[in-house]
Amino acid sequence: MPTYEYHCSACNQDFEQFQSMTAEPLSECPLCHKKGKVQRMISGGAGIIFKGSGFYETDYKSKKGSPSSSESKSEGGSHCCSGSCGCKN
């Protein structure tokens, strides 16, 4: 269930309300208890939050075909970017 932002024009206060998506918007301010002065505001939302381990680095990134930095240094130090990537090779 999302949290909606409201503004009361009677008391000029903003507040949040945890409601179902199918619930009707509030019509009474919980702060000053006046009816008909509350408007639901449009917000940008929270966005996507990635938590925990995994995602690209550990789950999907291919480790085949790319030598580690210790392997490339031991093979003579040649590197495809000539050190321009900041790898200090």
PDB file of N, CA and C in Angstrom:
ATOM      1  N   MET A   1       0.846  -1.176   0.000  1.00  0.00           N
ATOM      2  CA  MET A   1       0.000   0.000   0.000  1.00  0.00           C
ATOM      3  C   MET A   1       0.893   1.241   0.000  1.00  0.00           C
ATOM      4  N   PRO A   2       0.574   2.186  -0.848  1.00  0.00           N
ATOM      5  CA  PRO A   2       1.404   3.394  -0.935  1.00  0.00           C
ATOM      6  C   PRO A   2       1.074   4.426   0.135  1.00  0.00           C
ATOM      7  N   THR A   3       1.996   5.336   0.301  1.00  0.00           N
ATOM      8  CA  THR A   3       1.811   6.479   1.183  1.00  0.00           C
ATOM      9  C   THR A   3       1.511   7.691   0.308  1.00  0.00           C
ATOM     10  N   TYR A   4       0.392   8.347   0.549  1.00  0.00           N
ATOM     11  CA  TYR A   4      -0.015   9.508  -0.242  1.00  0.00           C
ATOM     12  C   TYR A   4       0.272  10.789   0.528  1.00  0.00           C
ATOM     13  N   GLU A   5       0.612  11.829  -0.217  1.00  0.00           N
ATOM     14  CA  GLU A   5       0.841  13.147   0.373  1.00  0.00           C
ATOM     15  C   GLU A   5      -0.403  14.002   0.175  1.00  0.00           C
ATOM     16  N   TYR A   6      -0.773  14.738   1.217  1.00  0.00           N
ATOM     17  CA  TYR A   6      -1.941  15.613   1.192  1.00  0.00           C
ATOM     18  C   TYR A   6      -1.552  17.010   1.652  1.00  0.00           C
ATOM     19  N   HIS A   7      -2.376  17.975   1.257  1.00  0.00           N
ATOM     20  CA  HIS A   7      -2.212  19.353   1.724  1.00  0.00           C
ATOM     21  C   HIS A   7      -3.581  19.865   2.171  1.00  0.00           C
ATOM     22  N   CYS A   8      -3.613  20.466   3.343  1.00  0.00           N
ATOM     23  CA  CYS A   8      -4.843  21.069   3.864  1.00  0.00           C
ATOM     24  C   CYS A   8      -4.743  22.576   3.690  1.00  0.00           C
ATOM     25  N   SER A   9      -5.684  23.144   2.940  1.00  0.00           N
ATOM     26  CA  SER A   9      -5.662  24.591   2.717  1.00  0.00           C
ATOM     27  C   SER A   9      -6.203  25.364   3.927  1.00  0.00           C
ATOM     28  N   ALA A  10      -6.898  24.699   4.843  1.00  0.00           N
ATOM     29  CA  ALA A  10      -7.419  25.373   6.033  1.00  0.00           C
ATOM     30  C   ALA A  10      -6.304  25.662   7.041  1.00  0.00           C
ATOM     31  N   CYS A  11      -5.479  24.670   7.317  1.00  0.00           N
ATOM     32  CA  CYS A  11      -4.400  24.858   8.301  1.00  0.00           C
ATOM     33  C   CYS A  11      -3.024  25.005   7.630  1.00  0.00           C
ATOM     34  N   ASN A  12      -2.995  24.922   6.303  1.00  0.00           N
ATOM     35  CA  ASN A  12      -1.778  25.082   5.502  1.00  0.00           C
ATOM     36  C   ASN A  12      -0.674  24.095   5.894  1.00  0.00           C
ATOM     37  N   GLN A  13      -1.081  22.864   6.202  1.00  0.00           N
ATOM     38  CA  GLN A  13      -0.136  21.831   6.597  1.00  0.00           C
ATOM     39  C   GLN A  13      -0.130  20.701   5.563  1.00  0.00           C
ATOM     40  N   ASP A  14       1.042  20.088   5.387  1.00  0.00           N
ATOM     41  CA  ASP A  14       1.174  18.895   4.559  1.00  0.00           C
ATOM     42  C   ASP A  14       1.270  17.691   5.483  1.00  0.00           C
ATOM     43  N   PHE A  15       0.698  16.576   5.058  1.00  0.00           N
ATOM     44  CA  PHE A  15       0.773  15.346   5.835  1.00  0.00           C
ATOM     45  C   PHE A  15       0.726  14.155   4.894  1.00  0.00           C
ATOM     46  N   GLU A  16       1.111  13.010   5.409  1.00  0.00           N
ATOM     47  CA  GLU A  16       1.111  11.775   4.634  1.00  0.00           C
ATOM     48  C   GLU A  16       0.087  10.811   5.206  1.00  0.00           C
ATOM     49  N   GLN A  17      -0.489   9.997   4.326  1.00  0.00           N
ATOM     50  CA  GLN A  17      -1.478   9.010   4.751  1.00  0.00           C
ATOM     51  C   GLN A  17      -1.196   7.697   4.038  1.00  0.00           C
ATOM     52  N   PHE A  18      -1.089   6.620   4.791  1.00  0.00           N
ATOM     53  CA  PHE A  18      -0.876   5.275   4.276  1.00  0.00           C
ATOM     54  C   PHE A  18      -2.236   4.708   3.904  1.00  0.00           C
ATOM     55  N   GLN A  19      -2.482   4.502   2.583  1.00  0.00           N
ATOM     56  CA  GLN A  19      -3.803   4.068   2.114  1.00  0.00           C
ATOM     57  C   GLN A  19      -3.666   3.027   1.012  1.00  0.00           C
ATOM     58  N   SER A  20      -4.736   2.295   0.809  1.00  0.00           N
ATOM     59  CA  SER A  20      -4.836   1.382  -0.321  1.00  0.00           C
ATOM     60  C   SER A  20      -4.951   2.193  -1.607  1.00  0.00           C
ATOM     61  N   MET A  21      -4.523   1.619  -2.713  1.00  0.00           N
ATOM     62  CA  MET A  21      -4.610   2.312  -3.996  1.00  0.00           C
ATOM     63  C   MET A  21      -6.057   2.514  -4.429  1.00  0.00           C
ATOM     64  N   THR A  22      -6.953   1.674  -3.957  1.00  0.00           N
ATOM     65  CA  THR A  22      -8.360   1.776  -4.334  1.00  0.00           C
ATOM     66  C   THR A  22      -9.176   2.638  -3.372  1.00  0.00           C
ATOM     67  N   ALA A  23      -8.566   3.096  -2.278  1.00  0.00           N
ATOM     68  CA  ALA A  23      -9.275   3.921  -1.294  1.00  0.00           C
ATOM     69  C   ALA A  23      -9.539   5.313  -1.854  1.00  0.00           C
ATOM     70  N   GLU A  24     -10.658   5.884  -1.451  1.00  0.00           N
ATOM     71  CA  GLU A  24     -10.996   7.248  -1.849  1.00  0.00           C
ATOM     72  C   GLU A  24     -10.033   8.226  -1.169  1.00  0.00           C
ATOM     73  N   PRO A  25      -9.708   9.337  -1.826  1.00  0.00           N
ATOM     74  CA  PRO A  25      -8.856  10.345  -1.181  1.00  0.00           C
ATOM     75  C   PRO A  25      -9.527  10.899   0.078  1.00  0.00           C
ATOM     76  N   LEU A  26      -8.715  11.322   1.031  1.00  0.00           N
ATOM     77  CA  LEU A  26      -9.260  11.889   2.269  1.00  0.00           C
ATOM     78  C   LEU A  26     -10.011  13.178   1.969  1.00  0.00           C
ATOM     79  N   SER A  27     -11.045  13.431   2.744  1.00  0.00           N
ATOM     80  CA  SER A  27     -11.795  14.681   2.594  1.00  0.00           C
ATOM     81  C   SER A  27     -11.709  15.527   3.868  1.00  0.00           C
ATOM     82  N   GLU A  28     -11.206  14.931   4.966  1.00  0.00           N
ATOM     83  CA  GLU A  28     -11.081  15.645   6.233  1.00  0.00           C
ATOM     84  C   GLU A  28      -9.631  15.642   6.684  1.00  0.00           C
ATOM     85  N   CYS A  29      -9.150  16.781   7.119  1.00  0.00           N
ATOM     86  CA  CYS A  29      -7.781  16.919   7.608  1.00  0.00           C
ATOM     87  C   CYS A  29      -7.667  16.282   8.995  1.00  0.00           C
ATOM     88  N   PRO A  30      -6.699  15.364   9.195  1.00  0.00           N
ATOM     89  CA  PRO A  30      -6.537  14.762  10.524  1.00  0.00           C
ATOM     90  C   PRO A  30      -5.899  15.710  11.536  1.00  0.00           C
ATOM     91  N   LEU A  31      -5.389  16.850  11.068  1.00  0.00           N
ATOM     92  CA  LEU A  31      -4.746  17.806  11.965  1.00  0.00           C
ATOM     93  C   LEU A  31      -5.722  18.847  12.504  1.00  0.00           C
ATOM     94  N   CYS A  32      -6.521  19.456  11.610  1.00  0.00           N
ATOM     95  CA  CYS A  32      -7.465  20.495  12.065  1.00  0.00           C
ATOM     96  C   CYS A  32      -8.917  20.029  11.977  1.00  0.00           C
ATOM     97  N   HIS A  33      -9.164  18.867  11.409  1.00  0.00           N
ATOM     98  CA  HIS A  33     -10.473  18.224  11.302  1.00  0.00           C
ATOM     99  C   HIS A  33     -11.493  19.008  10.473  1.00  0.00           C
ATOM    100  N   LYS A  34     -11.023  19.823   9.545  1.00  0.00           N
ATOM    101  CA  LYS A  34     -11.946  20.539   8.651  1.00  0.00           C
ATOM    102  C   LYS A  34     -12.182  19.703   7.410  1.00  0.00           C
ATOM    103  N   LYS A  35     -13.421  19.660   6.964  1.00  0.00           N
ATOM    104  CA  LYS A  35     -13.785  18.873   5.787  1.00  0.00           C
ATOM    105  C   LYS A  35     -13.739  19.724   4.525  1.00  0.00           C
ATOM    106  N   GLY A  36     -13.399  19.082   3.417  1.00  0.00           N
ATOM    107  CA  GLY A  36     -13.436  19.737   2.123  1.00  0.00           C
ATOM    108  C   GLY A  36     -12.251  20.628   1.815  1.00  0.00           C
ATOM    109  N   LYS A  37     -11.258  20.663   2.679  1.00  0.00           N
ATOM    110  CA  LYS A  37     -10.097  21.534   2.475  1.00  0.00           C
ATOM    111  C   LYS A  37      -8.821  20.748   2.149  1.00  0.00           C
ATOM    112  N   VAL A  38      -8.959  19.427   1.983  1.00  0.00           N
ATOM    113  CA  VAL A  38      -7.797  18.557   1.780  1.00  0.00           C
ATOM    114  C   VAL A  38      -7.682  18.162   0.312  1.00  0.00           C
ATOM    115  N   GLN A  39      -6.461  18.242  -0.206  1.00  0.00           N
ATOM    116  CA  GLN A  39      -6.208  17.816  -1.578  1.00  0.00           C
ATOM    117  C   GLN A  39      -5.039  16.844  -1.598  1.00  0.00           C
ATOM    118  N   ARG A  40      -5.191  15.770  -2.400  1.00  0.00           N
ATOM    119  CA  ARG A  40      -4.091  14.825  -2.574  1.00  0.00           C
ATOM    120  C   ARG A  40      -3.096  15.444  -3.548  1.00  0.00           C
ATOM    121  N   MET A  41      -1.838  15.428  -3.175  1.00  0.00           N
ATOM    122  CA  MET A  41      -0.795  16.022  -4.006  1.00  0.00           C
ATOM    123  C   MET A  41      -0.160  14.962  -4.903  1.00  0.00           C
ATOM    124  N   ILE A  42       0.347  15.396  -6.029  1.00  0.00           N
ATOM    125  CA  ILE A  42       1.062  14.496  -6.934  1.00  0.00           C
ATOM    126  C   ILE A  42       2.510  14.458  -6.492  1.00  0.00           C
ATOM    127  N   SER A  43       3.031  13.266  -6.303  1.00  0.00           N
ATOM    128  CA  SER A  43       4.427  13.145  -5.884  1.00  0.00           C
ATOM    129  C   SER A  43       5.187  12.292  -6.881  1.00  0.00           C
ATOM    130  N   GLY A  44       6.492  12.397  -6.814  1.00  0.00           N
ATOM    131  CA  GLY A  44       7.359  11.649  -7.720  1.00  0.00           C
ATOM    132  C   GLY A  44       7.517  10.195  -7.322  1.00  0.00           C
ATOM    133  N   GLY A  45       7.081   9.834  -6.141  1.00  0.00           N
ATOM    134  CA  GLY A  45       7.224   8.461  -5.688  1.00  0.00           C
ATOM    135  C   GLY A  45       8.615   8.203  -5.129  1.00  0.00           C
ATOM    136  N   ALA A  46       8.824   6.983  -4.706  1.00  0.00           N
ATOM    137  CA  ALA A  46      10.088   6.628  -4.075  1.00  0.00           C
ATOM    138  C   ALA A  46      11.108   6.106  -5.058  1.00  0.00           C
ATOM    139  N   GLY A  47      10.676   5.660  -6.210  1.00  0.00           N
ATOM    140  CA  GLY A  47      11.614   5.097  -7.166  1.00  0.00           C
ATOM    141  C   GLY A  47      11.945   3.659  -6.834  1.00  0.00           C
ATOM    142  N   ILE A  48      12.904   3.144  -7.502  1.00  0.00           N
ATOM    143  CA  ILE A  48      13.298   1.758  -7.310  1.00  0.00           C
ATOM    144  C   ILE A  48      14.476   1.709  -6.350  1.00  0.00           C
ATOM    145  N   ILE A  49      14.386   0.830  -5.379  1.00  0.00           N
ATOM    146  CA  ILE A  49      15.458   0.670  -4.405  1.00  0.00           C
ATOM    147  C   ILE A  49      15.976  -0.758  -4.514  1.00  0.00           C
ATOM    148  N   PHE A  50      17.261  -0.889  -4.821  1.00  0.00           N
ATOM    149  CA  PHE A  50      17.889  -2.204  -4.899  1.00  0.00           C
ATOM    150  C   PHE A  50      18.605  -2.467  -3.583  1.00  0.00           C
ATOM    151  N   LYS A  51      18.221  -3.541  -2.911  1.00  0.00           N
ATOM    152  CA  LYS A  51      18.845  -3.898  -1.643  1.00  0.00           C
ATOM    153  C   LYS A  51      19.377  -5.314  -1.728  1.00  0.00           C
ATOM    154  N   GLY A  52      20.402  -5.576  -0.972  1.00  0.00           N
ATOM    155  CA  GLY A  52      20.932  -6.924  -0.877  1.00  0.00           C
ATOM    156  C   GLY A  52      22.070  -7.177  -1.837  1.00  0.00           C
ATOM    157  N   SER A  53      22.599  -8.375  -1.750  1.00  0.00           N
ATOM    158  CA  SER A  53      23.700  -8.746  -2.631  1.00  0.00           C
ATOM    159  C   SER A  53      23.139  -9.228  -3.956  1.00  0.00           C
ATOM    160  N   GLY A  54      24.004  -9.303  -4.919  1.00  0.00           N
ATOM    161  CA  GLY A  54      23.586  -9.817  -6.214  1.00  0.00           C
ATOM    162  C   GLY A  54      23.573  -8.755  -7.268  1.00  0.00           C
ATOM    163  N   PHE A  55      22.566  -8.804  -8.114  1.00  0.00           N
ATOM    164  CA  PHE A  55      22.427  -7.916  -9.246  1.00  0.00           C
ATOM    165  C   PHE A  55      23.556  -8.162 -10.243  1.00  0.00           C
ATOM    166  N   TYR A  56      23.992  -7.206 -10.960  1.00  0.00           N
ATOM    167  CA  TYR A  56      24.885  -7.402 -12.088  1.00  0.00           C
ATOM    168  C   TYR A  56      26.251  -7.940 -11.698  1.00  0.00           C
ATOM    169  N   GLU A  57      26.880  -7.364 -10.698  1.00  0.00           N
ATOM    170  CA  GLU A  57      28.253  -7.717 -10.362  1.00  0.00           C
ATOM    171  C   GLU A  57      28.423  -9.190 -10.009  1.00  0.00           C
ATOM    172  N   THR A  58      27.494  -9.754  -9.263  1.00  0.00           N
ATOM    173  CA  THR A  58      27.686 -11.128  -8.826  1.00  0.00           C
ATOM    174  C   THR A  58      26.805 -12.141  -9.552  1.00  0.00           C
ATOM    175  N   ASP A  59      25.722 -11.704 -10.163  1.00  0.00           N
ATOM    176  CA  ASP A  59      24.807 -12.659 -10.770  1.00  0.00           C
ATOM    177  C   ASP A  59      24.910 -12.761 -12.284  1.00  0.00           C
ATOM    178  N   TYR A  60      25.112 -11.658 -12.970  1.00  0.00           N
ATOM    179  CA  TYR A  60      25.017 -11.670 -14.421  1.00  0.00           C
ATOM    180  C   TYR A  60      26.314 -11.328 -15.149  1.00  0.00           C
ATOM    181  N   LYS A  61      27.259 -10.755 -14.480  1.00  0.00           N
ATOM    182  CA  LYS A  61      28.490 -10.337 -15.129  1.00  0.00           C
ATOM    183  C   LYS A  61      29.289 -11.564 -15.558  1.00  0.00           C
ATOM    184  N   SER A  62      29.682 -11.602 -16.804  1.00  0.00           N
ATOM    185  CA  SER A  62      30.450 -12.721 -17.333  1.00  0.00           C
ATOM    186  C   SER A  62      31.903 -12.592 -16.911  1.00  0.00           C
ATOM    187  N   LYS A  63      32.448 -13.649 -16.364  1.00  0.00           N
ATOM    188  CA  LYS A  63      33.843 -13.643 -15.943  1.00  0.00           C
ATOM    189  C   LYS A  63      34.720 -14.363 -16.954  1.00  0.00           C
ATOM    190  N   LYS A  64      34.121 -14.887 -18.001  1.00  0.00           N
ATOM    191  CA  LYS A  64      34.873 -15.612 -19.013  1.00  0.00           C
ATOM    192  C   LYS A  64      35.521 -14.644 -19.987  1.00  0.00           C
ATOM    193  N   GLY A  65      36.739 -14.940 -20.399  1.00  0.00           N
ATOM    194  CA  GLY A  65      37.397 -14.171 -21.449  1.00  0.00           C
ATOM    195  C   GLY A  65      38.049 -12.886 -21.007  1.00  0.00           C
ATOM    196  N   SER A  66      37.875 -12.465 -19.773  1.00  0.00           N
ATOM    197  CA  SER A  66      38.528 -11.240 -19.316  1.00  0.00           C
ATOM    198  C   SER A  66      39.542 -11.597 -18.240  1.00  0.00           C
ATOM    199  N   PRO A  67      40.835 -11.484 -18.546  1.00  0.00           N
ATOM    200  CA  PRO A  67      41.849 -11.851 -17.554  1.00  0.00           C
ATOM    201  C   PRO A  67      41.869 -10.857 -16.410  1.00  0.00           C
ATOM    202  N   SER A  68      42.209 -11.326 -15.237  1.00  0.00           N
ATOM    203  CA  SER A  68      42.303 -10.425 -14.089  1.00  0.00           C
ATOM    204  C   SER A  68      43.541  -9.561 -14.233  1.00  0.00           C
ATOM    205  N   SER A  69      43.639  -8.536 -13.435  1.00  0.00           N
ATOM    206  CA  SER A  69      44.768  -7.615 -13.543  1.00  0.00           C
ATOM    207  C   SER A  69      46.081  -8.304 -13.215  1.00  0.00           C
ATOM    208  N   SER A  70      46.083  -9.283 -12.308  1.00  0.00           N
ATOM    209  CA  SER A  70      47.316  -9.982 -11.978  1.00  0.00           C
ATOM    210  C   SER A  70      47.765 -10.868 -13.135  1.00  0.00           C
ATOM    211  N   GLU A  71      46.816 -11.438 -13.889  1.00  0.00           N
ATOM    212  CA  GLU A  71      47.174 -12.270 -15.031  1.00  0.00           C
ATOM    213  C   GLU A  71      47.767 -11.434 -16.155  1.00  0.00           C
ATOM    214  N   SER A  72      47.203 -10.254 -16.428  1.00  0.00           N
ATOM    215  CA  SER A  72      47.684  -9.439 -17.530  1.00  0.00           C
ATOM    216  C   SER A  72      49.059  -8.862 -17.231  1.00  0.00           C
ATOM    217  N   LYS A  73      49.357  -8.589 -15.956  1.00  0.00           N
ATOM    218  CA  LYS A  73      50.676  -8.066 -15.611  1.00  0.00           C
ATOM    219  C   LYS A  73      51.734  -9.143 -15.719  1.00  0.00           C
ATOM    220  N   SER A  74      51.367 -10.376 -15.399  1.00  0.00           N
ATOM    221  CA  SER A  74      52.346 -11.453 -15.448  1.00  0.00           C
ATOM    222  C   SER A  74      52.617 -11.909 -16.875  1.00  0.00           C
ATOM    223  N   GLU A  75      51.751 -11.543 -17.815  1.00  0.00           N
ATOM    224  CA  GLU A  75      51.927 -11.951 -19.198  1.00  0.00           C
ATOM    225  C   GLU A  75      52.715 -10.927 -20.005  1.00  0.00           C
ATOM    226  N   GLY A  76      53.391 -10.021 -19.383  1.00  0.00           N
ATOM    227  CA  GLY A  76      54.197  -9.075 -20.121  1.00  0.00           C
ATOM    228  C   GLY A  76      53.680  -7.655 -20.027  1.00  0.00           C
ATOM    229  N   GLY A  77      52.560  -7.430 -19.377  1.00  0.00           N
ATOM    230  CA  GLY A  77      52.081  -6.077 -19.135  1.00  0.00           C
ATOM    231  C   GLY A  77      51.346  -5.444 -20.291  1.00  0.00           C
ATOM    232  N   SER A  78      51.071  -6.131 -21.382  1.00  0.00           N
ATOM    233  CA  SER A  78      50.312  -5.513 -22.458  1.00  0.00           C
ATOM    234  C   SER A  78      48.850  -5.422 -22.053  1.00  0.00           C
ATOM    235  N   HIS A  79      48.245  -4.331 -22.455  1.00  0.00           N
ATOM    236  CA  HIS A  79      46.861  -4.091 -22.055  1.00  0.00           C
ATOM    237  C   HIS A  79      46.155  -3.375 -23.197  1.00  0.00           C
ATOM    238  N   CYS A  80      44.897  -3.671 -23.401  1.00  0.00           N
ATOM    239  CA  CYS A  80      44.163  -3.146 -24.548  1.00  0.00           C
ATOM    240  C   CYS A  80      44.000  -1.634 -24.524  1.00  0.00           C
ATOM    241  N   CYS A  81      43.985  -1.006 -23.361  1.00  0.00           N
ATOM    242  CA  CYS A  81      43.731   0.430 -23.308  1.00  0.00           C
ATOM    243  C   CYS A  81      45.020   1.229 -23.077  1.00  0.00           C
ATOM    244  N   SER A  82      46.149   0.589 -22.963  1.00  0.00           N
ATOM    245  CA  SER A  82      47.439   1.244 -22.728  1.00  0.00           C
ATOM    246  C   SER A  82      47.430   2.079 -21.446  1.00  0.00           C
ATOM    247  N   GLY A  83      46.606   1.676 -20.498  1.00  0.00           N
ATOM    248  CA  GLY A  83      46.546   2.377 -19.219  1.00  0.00           C
ATOM    249  C   GLY A  83      45.638   3.587 -19.198  1.00  0.00           C
ATOM    250  N   SER A  84      44.944   3.891 -20.287  1.00  0.00           N
ATOM    251  CA  SER A  84      44.090   5.077 -20.329  1.00  0.00           C
ATOM    252  C   SER A  84      42.823   4.917 -19.513  1.00  0.00           C
ATOM    253  N   CYS A  85      42.481   3.703 -19.116  1.00  0.00           N
ATOM    254  CA  CYS A  85      41.281   3.488 -18.314  1.00  0.00           C
ATOM    255  C   CYS A  85      41.542   3.717 -16.826  1.00  0.00           C
ATOM    256  N   GLY A  86      42.758   3.978 -16.459  1.00  0.00           N
ATOM    257  CA  GLY A  86      43.077   4.200 -15.049  1.00  0.00           C
ATOM    258  C   GLY A  86      43.468   2.936 -14.327  1.00  0.00           C
ATOM    259  N   CYS A  87      43.745   1.873 -15.068  1.00  0.00           N
ATOM    260  CA  CYS A  87      44.072   0.584 -14.443  1.00  0.00           C
ATOM    261  C   CYS A  87      45.524   0.508 -13.991  1.00  0.00           C
ATOM    262  N   LYS A  88      46.342   1.487 -14.306  1.00  0.00           N
ATOM    263  CA  LYS A  88      47.743   1.573 -13.909  1.00  0.00           C
ATOM    264  C   LYS A  88      48.528   0.354 -14.366  1.00  0.00           C
ATOM    265  N   ASN A  89      48.287  -0.066 -15.587  1.00  0.00           N
ATOM    266  CA  ASN A  89      48.986  -1.221 -16.131  1.00  0.00           C
ATOM    267  C   ASN A  89      50.155  -0.778 -16.948  1.00  0.00           C
TER     268      ASN A  89
END
